Structure formats: structure tokens, C-alpha cells
Amino acid sequence: MSRRTPRALVGGAPQETFTFRFDGRDVTAAAGQTVAAALWGAGVLAWRTTRHDGEPRGAFCGIGQCFDCLVTVDGAPNRRACLVPARPGGLVTSQEGTGHDDLAV
């Protein structure tokens, strides 16, 4: 009995990959992959901290209903990594607290 891979079961084909920058390092992503999925694939599980206690957070729900996966994408804070598609050459950074320097918290 031969073992079938998940890719073979769904008829998937390898995708072209590209890189984007995350906190100064290159992360590989495939076409259609979200920032969160690419970060998970690179072994990054937390990429923001809470505003009060500085606790690490990453993806929680994975469907855009919570705000645990917030990152700054190309200078725009408060983007949900589970919804934002990874883009070739993009610049993604960890986010601390609210993501806005001018907010009093």
C-alpha cells in the first residue's frame, strides 16, 4: 500500500516562492500565502506584544476575527497577518502594543 501525501490528495502543485523581509530577515512564502502562514512556516510563532504587559502574541483564530496577529506591513500598522497576503519584497515588522507611537496608553 502506497502512502499518499496531502498535496497528492488535493491535486496541488508546487508554487513559485518569493521572499519578504520580517524584522530584518528574509522569509520565504508561496503565492497566495498569508503573512501569518509564511511566518509559521519559518518557525516564527509570535510577532507582536500586548500594550499593557508586553506579552507575546501570534495567530490565534487564523480567520481575522481576533487581533492577536497584528503586524506592521510596509509601514501600515495594525494589519492582521492572517488576512494580509505575503508580497514579494514586502517589509513586515513586529508590532508592539497599539502600533501607534502617538497614542497614550
Protein backbone atom coordinates (compact mmCIF):
# COMPACT_ATOMS: atom_id res chain seq x y z
CA MET A 1 0.00 0.00 0.00
CA SER A 2 1.50 3.32 -1.02
CA ARG A 3 1.19 6.42 1.12
CA ARG A 4 -0.31 9.50 -0.45
CA THR A 5 0.78 12.95 0.52
CA PRO A 6 -1.69 15.73 1.31
CA ARG A 7 -0.57 17.52 -1.86
CA ALA A 8 -1.32 14.42 -3.95
CA LEU A 9 -4.75 14.05 -2.33
CA VAL A 10 -5.85 17.54 -3.35
CA GLY A 11 -4.00 17.62 -6.64
CA GLY A 12 -1.80 20.51 -5.57
CA ALA A 13 1.30 21.55 -7.42
CA PRO A 14 4.38 23.27 -6.02
CA GLN A 15 4.05 27.05 -6.08
CA GLU A 16 6.70 29.55 -7.00
CA THR A 17 8.21 31.05 -3.91
CA PHE A 18 9.46 34.53 -3.11
CA THR A 19 10.81 36.33 -0.09
CA PHE A 20 9.73 39.24 2.05
CA ARG A 21 11.55 40.86 4.97
CA PHE A 22 10.41 40.30 8.54
CA ASP A 23 12.28 42.09 11.31
CA GLY A 24 15.46 42.17 9.23
CA ARG A 25 15.43 38.61 7.93
CA ASP A 26 14.18 37.01 4.73
CA VAL A 27 11.07 34.82 4.98
CA THR A 28 10.05 32.53 2.14
CA ALA A 29 6.40 32.47 1.05
CA ALA A 30 4.38 30.88 -1.73
CA ALA A 31 1.88 32.65 -3.97
CA GLY A 32 -1.42 33.12 -2.14
CA GLN A 33 0.06 32.51 1.29
CA THR A 34 -0.73 34.93 4.10
CA VAL A 35 1.95 36.65 6.16
CA ALA A 36 0.93 34.53 9.18
CA ALA A 37 1.24 31.26 7.23
CA ALA A 38 4.66 32.24 5.92
CA LEU A 39 5.82 33.21 9.41
CA TRP A 40 4.57 29.91 10.82
CA GLY A 41 6.42 28.11 8.04
CA ALA A 42 9.59 29.94 9.02
CA GLY A 43 9.17 28.90 12.65
CA VAL A 44 8.05 32.34 13.90
CA LEU A 45 5.15 31.85 16.32
CA ALA A 46 4.88 35.31 17.94
CA TRP A 47 5.26 38.68 16.26
CA ARG A 48 3.60 41.28 18.44
CA THR A 49 3.36 42.19 22.11
CA THR A 50 0.37 43.33 24.12
CA ARG A 51 0.19 47.01 25.03
CA HIS A 52 -0.08 46.59 28.79
CA ASP A 53 2.06 43.62 29.77
CA GLY A 54 4.25 43.10 26.70
CA GLU A 55 3.06 39.50 26.34
CA PRO A 56 3.96 37.79 23.04
CA ARG A 57 1.19 37.12 20.55
CA GLY A 58 0.91 35.48 17.14
CA ALA A 59 -2.01 33.98 15.25
CA PHE A 60 -4.89 32.81 17.43
CA CYS A 61 -8.07 32.41 15.36
CA GLY A 62 -6.48 32.48 11.90
CA ILE A 63 -9.63 33.91 10.28
CA GLY A 64 -9.47 37.64 11.05
CA GLN A 65 -11.88 37.70 13.99
CA CYS A 66 -9.36 38.50 16.74
CA PHE A 67 -6.47 40.93 16.75
CA ASP A 68 -3.67 38.78 18.15
CA CYS A 69 -1.75 38.61 14.87
CA LEU A 70 -1.26 42.35 14.25
CA VAL A 71 1.86 43.38 12.33
CA THR A 72 3.12 46.44 10.52
CA VAL A 73 3.16 45.88 6.75
CA ASP A 74 5.07 48.31 4.53
CA GLY A 75 4.74 51.00 7.22
CA ALA A 76 1.00 50.46 7.87
CA PRO A 77 0.37 49.29 11.48
CA ASN A 78 -2.44 47.09 12.77
CA ARG A 79 -2.65 44.72 9.81
CA ARG A 80 -3.90 41.22 10.59
CA ALA A 81 -1.19 38.82 9.44
CA CYS A 82 -3.75 36.03 8.96
CA LEU A 83 -5.56 38.09 6.30
CA VAL A 84 -2.77 40.01 4.55
CA PRO A 85 -1.26 38.18 1.56
CA ALA A 86 2.51 37.96 1.62
CA ARG A 87 4.01 40.03 -1.20
CA PRO A 88 7.40 39.72 -2.89
CA GLY A 89 9.80 42.24 -1.41
CA GLY A 90 7.34 43.34 1.30
CA LEU A 91 8.54 44.73 4.61
CA VAL A 92 6.79 43.27 7.66
CA THR A 93 7.76 44.16 11.22
CA SER A 94 6.71 43.06 14.67
CA GLN A 95 4.28 45.33 16.41
CA GLU A 96 4.44 46.49 20.00
CA GLY A 97 1.20 47.47 21.71
CA THR A 98 -1.16 49.51 19.58
CA GLY A 99 1.26 50.10 16.73
CA HIS A 100 0.88 53.87 17.04
CA ASP A 101 3.59 55.93 18.74
CA ASP A 102 1.25 58.86 19.28
CA LEU A 103 -1.42 57.06 21.33
CA ALA A 104 -1.37 57.46 25.09
CA VAL A 105 -1.86 54.04 26.64
